[in-house]
Amino acid sequence: MQAFLSAIADPIRLAALRIVWDGGEHCVCELMEKLDATQSRMSRHMKTLKLAGIIVDRRDAQWVRYRRNPDLAPEMAAVIDAVLAAESLSERTAA
């Protein structure tokens, strides 16, 4: 549980989760561009999410594609859903 909570606590990882949580596959290059991060930094963040069991990856030639882990426990997915919803609500009320 600690690895899970630590993984979603980082702002960059949370932003990456927001992108990956749509159900599609996303390559590091796409995440780098959207989050203004270097390749090495983005790869480290994605590794943390993968080690926590939140995402899975698939190699596609020279690219690695990430997606939401379909085997993630529903309770854990619900926590991420709630965090992302709370973050969206916070952003809307701050604007």
N, C-alpha and C. Protein backbone atom coordinates (compact mmCIF):
# COMPACT_ATOMS: atom_id res chain seq x y z
N MET A 1 0.82 -1.20 0.00
CA MET A 1 0.00 0.00 0.00
C MET A 1 0.87 1.26 0.00
N GLN A 2 1.98 1.22 0.72
CA GLN A 2 2.84 2.40 0.78
C GLN A 2 3.42 2.73 -0.59
N ALA A 3 3.85 1.72 -1.33
CA ALA A 3 4.39 1.95 -2.68
C ALA A 3 3.31 2.53 -3.58
N PHE A 4 2.10 2.03 -3.45
CA PHE A 4 0.97 2.51 -4.24
C PHE A 4 0.71 3.99 -3.95
N LEU A 5 0.59 4.33 -2.68
CA LEU A 5 0.29 5.73 -2.31
C LEU A 5 1.44 6.66 -2.66
N SER A 6 2.67 6.21 -2.47
CA SER A 6 3.82 7.03 -2.86
C SER A 6 3.85 7.26 -4.36
N ALA A 7 3.51 6.23 -5.12
CA ALA A 7 3.53 6.34 -6.58
C ALA A 7 2.55 7.38 -7.08
N ILE A 8 1.38 7.45 -6.48
CA ILE A 8 0.37 8.41 -6.98
C ILE A 8 0.50 9.79 -6.34
N ALA A 9 1.40 9.93 -5.37
CA ALA A 9 1.55 11.22 -4.68
C ALA A 9 2.36 12.24 -5.48
N ASP A 10 3.20 11.79 -6.39
CA ASP A 10 4.05 12.70 -7.15
C ASP A 10 3.24 13.42 -8.23
N PRO A 11 3.37 14.73 -8.36
CA PRO A 11 2.59 15.48 -9.35
C PRO A 11 2.79 15.02 -10.80
N ILE A 12 4.02 14.69 -11.18
CA ILE A 12 4.26 14.24 -12.56
C ILE A 12 3.61 12.88 -12.79
N ARG A 13 3.77 11.98 -11.83
CA ARG A 13 3.16 10.66 -11.98
C ARG A 13 1.64 10.76 -12.00
N LEU A 14 1.10 11.62 -11.19
CA LEU A 14 -0.36 11.80 -11.18
C LEU A 14 -0.83 12.36 -12.52
N ALA A 15 -0.09 13.29 -13.07
CA ALA A 15 -0.43 13.84 -14.40
C ALA A 15 -0.33 12.76 -15.47
N ALA A 16 0.68 11.90 -15.37
CA ALA A 16 0.81 10.79 -16.32
C ALA A 16 -0.36 9.82 -16.16
N LEU A 17 -0.76 9.57 -14.93
CA LEU A 17 -1.91 8.69 -14.70
C LEU A 17 -3.18 9.26 -15.32
N ARG A 18 -3.34 10.57 -15.21
CA ARG A 18 -4.52 11.20 -15.81
C ARG A 18 -4.57 10.89 -17.31
N ILE A 19 -3.44 10.89 -17.96
CA ILE A 19 -3.38 10.60 -19.40
C ILE A 19 -3.63 9.12 -19.66
N VAL A 20 -2.93 8.27 -18.93
CA VAL A 20 -3.00 6.82 -19.14
C VAL A 20 -4.34 6.24 -18.70
N TRP A 21 -5.01 6.92 -17.79
CA TRP A 21 -6.25 6.40 -17.22
C TRP A 21 -7.41 6.39 -18.22
N ASP A 22 -7.20 6.92 -19.42
CA ASP A 22 -8.27 6.93 -20.42
C ASP A 22 -8.53 5.56 -21.03
N GLY A 23 -7.68 4.59 -20.70
CA GLY A 23 -7.88 3.24 -21.21
C GLY A 23 -7.05 2.92 -22.44
N GLY A 24 -6.41 3.92 -23.02
CA GLY A 24 -5.59 3.69 -24.22
C GLY A 24 -4.14 3.43 -23.86
N GLU A 25 -3.35 3.21 -24.89
CA GLU A 25 -1.90 3.04 -24.71
C GLU A 25 -1.21 4.35 -25.07
N HIS A 26 -0.18 4.68 -24.32
CA HIS A 26 0.54 5.93 -24.53
C HIS A 26 2.03 5.67 -24.45
N CYS A 27 2.77 6.21 -25.42
CA CYS A 27 4.22 6.02 -25.42
C CYS A 27 4.88 7.13 -24.58
N VAL A 28 6.11 6.86 -24.20
CA VAL A 28 6.86 7.82 -23.40
C VAL A 28 6.98 9.15 -24.13
N CYS A 29 7.16 9.10 -25.45
CA CYS A 29 7.31 10.36 -26.20
C CYS A 29 6.07 11.24 -26.07
N GLU A 30 4.90 10.64 -26.07
CA GLU A 30 3.66 11.40 -25.90
C GLU A 30 3.58 12.00 -24.50
N LEU A 31 3.92 11.20 -23.49
CA LEU A 31 3.89 11.69 -22.12
C LEU A 31 4.91 12.79 -21.91
N MET A 32 6.10 12.63 -22.50
CA MET A 32 7.15 13.66 -22.41
C MET A 32 6.64 14.99 -22.95
N GLU A 33 6.02 14.93 -24.11
CA GLU A 33 5.53 16.15 -24.75
C GLU A 33 4.44 16.81 -23.92
N LYS A 34 3.47 16.03 -23.48
CA LYS A 34 2.34 16.60 -22.74
C LYS A 34 2.73 17.11 -21.36
N LEU A 35 3.76 16.49 -20.75
CA LEU A 35 4.13 16.85 -19.39
C LEU A 35 5.43 17.63 -19.30
N ASP A 36 6.01 17.95 -20.47
CA ASP A 36 7.25 18.72 -20.53
C ASP A 36 8.32 18.11 -19.64
N ALA A 37 8.59 16.82 -19.89
CA ALA A 37 9.58 16.09 -19.11
C ALA A 37 10.58 15.43 -20.05
N THR A 38 11.78 15.20 -19.56
CA THR A 38 12.79 14.51 -20.36
C THR A 38 12.45 13.02 -20.44
N GLN A 39 13.07 12.34 -21.40
CA GLN A 39 12.82 10.92 -21.58
C GLN A 39 13.24 10.13 -20.34
N SER A 40 14.41 10.42 -19.80
CA SER A 40 14.87 9.66 -18.64
C SER A 40 13.98 9.90 -17.42
N ARG A 41 13.57 11.12 -17.23
CA ARG A 41 12.70 11.44 -16.09
C ARG A 41 11.34 10.76 -16.23
N MET A 42 10.78 10.81 -17.44
CA MET A 42 9.48 10.20 -17.67
C MET A 42 9.55 8.69 -17.50
N SER A 43 10.62 8.09 -18.01
CA SER A 43 10.79 6.64 -17.88
C SER A 43 10.91 6.23 -16.42
N ARG A 44 11.62 7.01 -15.62
CA ARG A 44 11.73 6.71 -14.19
C ARG A 44 10.37 6.78 -13.51
N HIS A 45 9.59 7.79 -13.84
CA HIS A 45 8.26 7.92 -13.25
C HIS A 45 7.36 6.75 -13.64
N MET A 46 7.44 6.36 -14.91
CA MET A 46 6.60 5.25 -15.37
C MET A 46 7.03 3.93 -14.73
N LYS A 47 8.33 3.78 -14.49
CA LYS A 47 8.83 2.58 -13.82
C LYS A 47 8.26 2.50 -12.40
N THR A 48 8.20 3.62 -11.72
CA THR A 48 7.64 3.65 -10.37
C THR A 48 6.18 3.22 -10.40
N LEU A 49 5.42 3.73 -11.36
CA LEU A 49 4.00 3.35 -11.47
C LEU A 49 3.86 1.87 -11.82
N LYS A 50 4.76 1.39 -12.65
CA LYS A 50 4.73 -0.03 -13.04
C LYS A 50 5.06 -0.92 -11.83
N LEU A 51 6.10 -0.57 -11.09
CA LEU A 51 6.49 -1.36 -9.92
C LEU A 51 5.38 -1.38 -8.86
N ALA A 52 4.59 -0.32 -8.81
CA ALA A 52 3.46 -0.26 -7.87
C ALA A 52 2.27 -1.06 -8.39
N GLY A 53 2.37 -1.57 -9.62
CA GLY A 53 1.29 -2.38 -10.18
C GLY A 53 0.15 -1.59 -10.78
N ILE A 54 0.34 -0.29 -10.95
CA ILE A 54 -0.73 0.58 -11.42
C ILE A 54 -0.85 0.56 -12.95
N ILE A 55 0.28 0.45 -13.62
CA ILE A 55 0.28 0.42 -15.08
C ILE A 55 1.05 -0.81 -15.56
N VAL A 56 0.87 -1.14 -16.82
CA VAL A 56 1.65 -2.18 -17.48
C VAL A 56 2.22 -1.58 -18.75
N ASP A 57 3.25 -2.25 -19.28
CA ASP A 57 3.86 -1.73 -20.49
C ASP A 57 3.95 -2.81 -21.55
N ARG A 58 4.19 -2.36 -22.77
CA ARG A 58 4.34 -3.26 -23.91
C ARG A 58 5.36 -2.63 -24.84
N ARG A 59 6.35 -3.43 -25.23
CA ARG A 59 7.37 -2.93 -26.16
C ARG A 59 6.81 -3.02 -27.57
N ASP A 60 7.00 -1.94 -28.32
CA ASP A 60 6.54 -1.84 -29.70
C ASP A 60 7.69 -1.25 -30.51
N ALA A 61 8.53 -2.14 -31.09
CA ALA A 61 9.76 -1.73 -31.77
C ALA A 61 10.62 -0.95 -30.77
N GLN A 62 10.95 0.31 -31.07
CA GLN A 62 11.80 1.08 -30.15
C GLN A 62 10.99 1.78 -29.07
N TRP A 63 9.68 1.73 -29.15
CA TRP A 63 8.82 2.43 -28.20
C TRP A 63 8.34 1.50 -27.09
N VAL A 64 8.09 2.08 -25.95
CA VAL A 64 7.41 1.37 -24.87
C VAL A 64 6.08 2.07 -24.68
N ARG A 65 5.03 1.29 -24.72
CA ARG A 65 3.69 1.85 -24.56
C ARG A 65 3.12 1.44 -23.21
N TYR A 66 2.52 2.41 -22.54
CA TYR A 66 1.98 2.20 -21.20
C TYR A 66 0.47 2.28 -21.23
N ARG A 67 -0.15 1.50 -20.35
CA ARG A 67 -1.60 1.56 -20.18
C ARG A 67 -1.94 1.18 -18.75
N ARG A 68 -3.13 1.48 -18.40
CA ARG A 68 -3.67 1.14 -17.09
C ARG A 68 -3.62 -0.37 -16.92
N ASN A 69 -3.26 -0.83 -15.74
CA ASN A 69 -3.20 -2.26 -15.47
C ASN A 69 -4.62 -2.83 -15.39
N PRO A 70 -5.00 -3.70 -16.33
CA PRO A 70 -6.36 -4.24 -16.29
C PRO A 70 -6.61 -5.15 -15.09
N ASP A 71 -5.54 -5.61 -14.44
CA ASP A 71 -5.67 -6.50 -13.29
C ASP A 71 -5.55 -5.76 -11.96
N LEU A 72 -5.51 -4.45 -12.01
CA LEU A 72 -5.44 -3.66 -10.78
C LEU A 72 -6.70 -3.90 -9.96
N ALA A 73 -6.52 -4.12 -8.67
CA ALA A 73 -7.67 -4.37 -7.79
C ALA A 73 -8.67 -3.22 -7.91
N PRO A 74 -9.95 -3.53 -7.97
CA PRO A 74 -10.97 -2.48 -8.11
C PRO A 74 -10.88 -1.41 -7.02
N GLU A 75 -10.50 -1.80 -5.82
CA GLU A 75 -10.37 -0.83 -4.73
C GLU A 75 -9.25 0.16 -5.00
N MET A 76 -8.15 -0.33 -5.58
CA MET A 76 -7.04 0.54 -5.91
C MET A 76 -7.41 1.47 -7.06
N ALA A 77 -8.10 0.93 -8.06
CA ALA A 77 -8.56 1.76 -9.18
C ALA A 77 -9.51 2.83 -8.67
N ALA A 78 -10.34 2.49 -7.70
CA ALA A 78 -11.29 3.46 -7.13
C ALA A 78 -10.54 4.60 -6.42
N VAL A 79 -9.43 4.27 -5.76
CA VAL A 79 -8.63 5.32 -5.11
C VAL A 79 -8.09 6.28 -6.16
N ILE A 80 -7.55 5.74 -7.24
CA ILE A 80 -7.01 6.59 -8.31
C ILE A 80 -8.13 7.42 -8.94
N ASP A 81 -9.27 6.80 -9.20
CA ASP A 81 -10.41 7.54 -9.75
C ASP A 81 -10.79 8.70 -8.83
N ALA A 82 -10.82 8.44 -7.52
CA ALA A 82 -11.20 9.48 -6.56
C ALA A 82 -10.16 10.60 -6.51
N VAL A 83 -8.88 10.24 -6.54
CA VAL A 83 -7.82 11.26 -6.52
C VAL A 83 -7.88 12.13 -7.77
N LEU A 84 -8.06 11.50 -8.93
CA LEU A 84 -8.14 12.27 -10.18
C LEU A 84 -9.38 13.16 -10.19
N ALA A 85 -10.51 12.65 -9.68
CA ALA A 85 -11.73 13.46 -9.62
C ALA A 85 -11.56 14.64 -8.66
N ALA A 86 -10.94 14.39 -7.52
CA ALA A 86 -10.72 15.46 -6.54
C ALA A 86 -9.78 16.51 -7.11
N GLU A 87 -8.76 16.07 -7.82
CA GLU A 87 -7.83 17.01 -8.44
C GLU A 87 -8.54 17.87 -9.49
N SER A 88 -9.39 17.27 -10.30
CA SER A 88 -10.15 18.03 -11.31
C SER A 88 -11.07 19.05 -10.64
N LEU A 89 -11.74 18.62 -9.60
CA LEU A 89 -12.63 19.52 -8.88
C LEU A 89 -11.87 20.68 -8.28
N SER A 90 -10.71 20.39 -7.70
CA SER A 90 -9.87 21.42 -7.11
C SER A 90 -9.41 22.43 -8.16
N GLU A 91 -9.04 21.93 -9.34
CA GLU A 91 -8.59 22.82 -10.43
C GLU A 91 -9.74 23.70 -10.91
N ARG A 92 -10.94 23.14 -11.01
CA ARG A 92 -12.10 23.93 -11.49
C ARG A 92 -12.50 24.99 -10.49
N THR A 93 -12.45 24.69 -9.20
CA THR A 93 -12.86 25.67 -8.20
C THR A 93 -11.80 26.75 -8.00
N ALA A 94 -10.54 26.43 -8.34
CA ALA A 94 -9.47 27.42 -8.21
C ALA A 94 -9.48 28.42 -9.36
N ALA A 95 -10.08 28.02 -10.48
CA ALA A 95 -10.07 28.89 -11.66
C ALA A 95 -11.11 29.97 -11.61
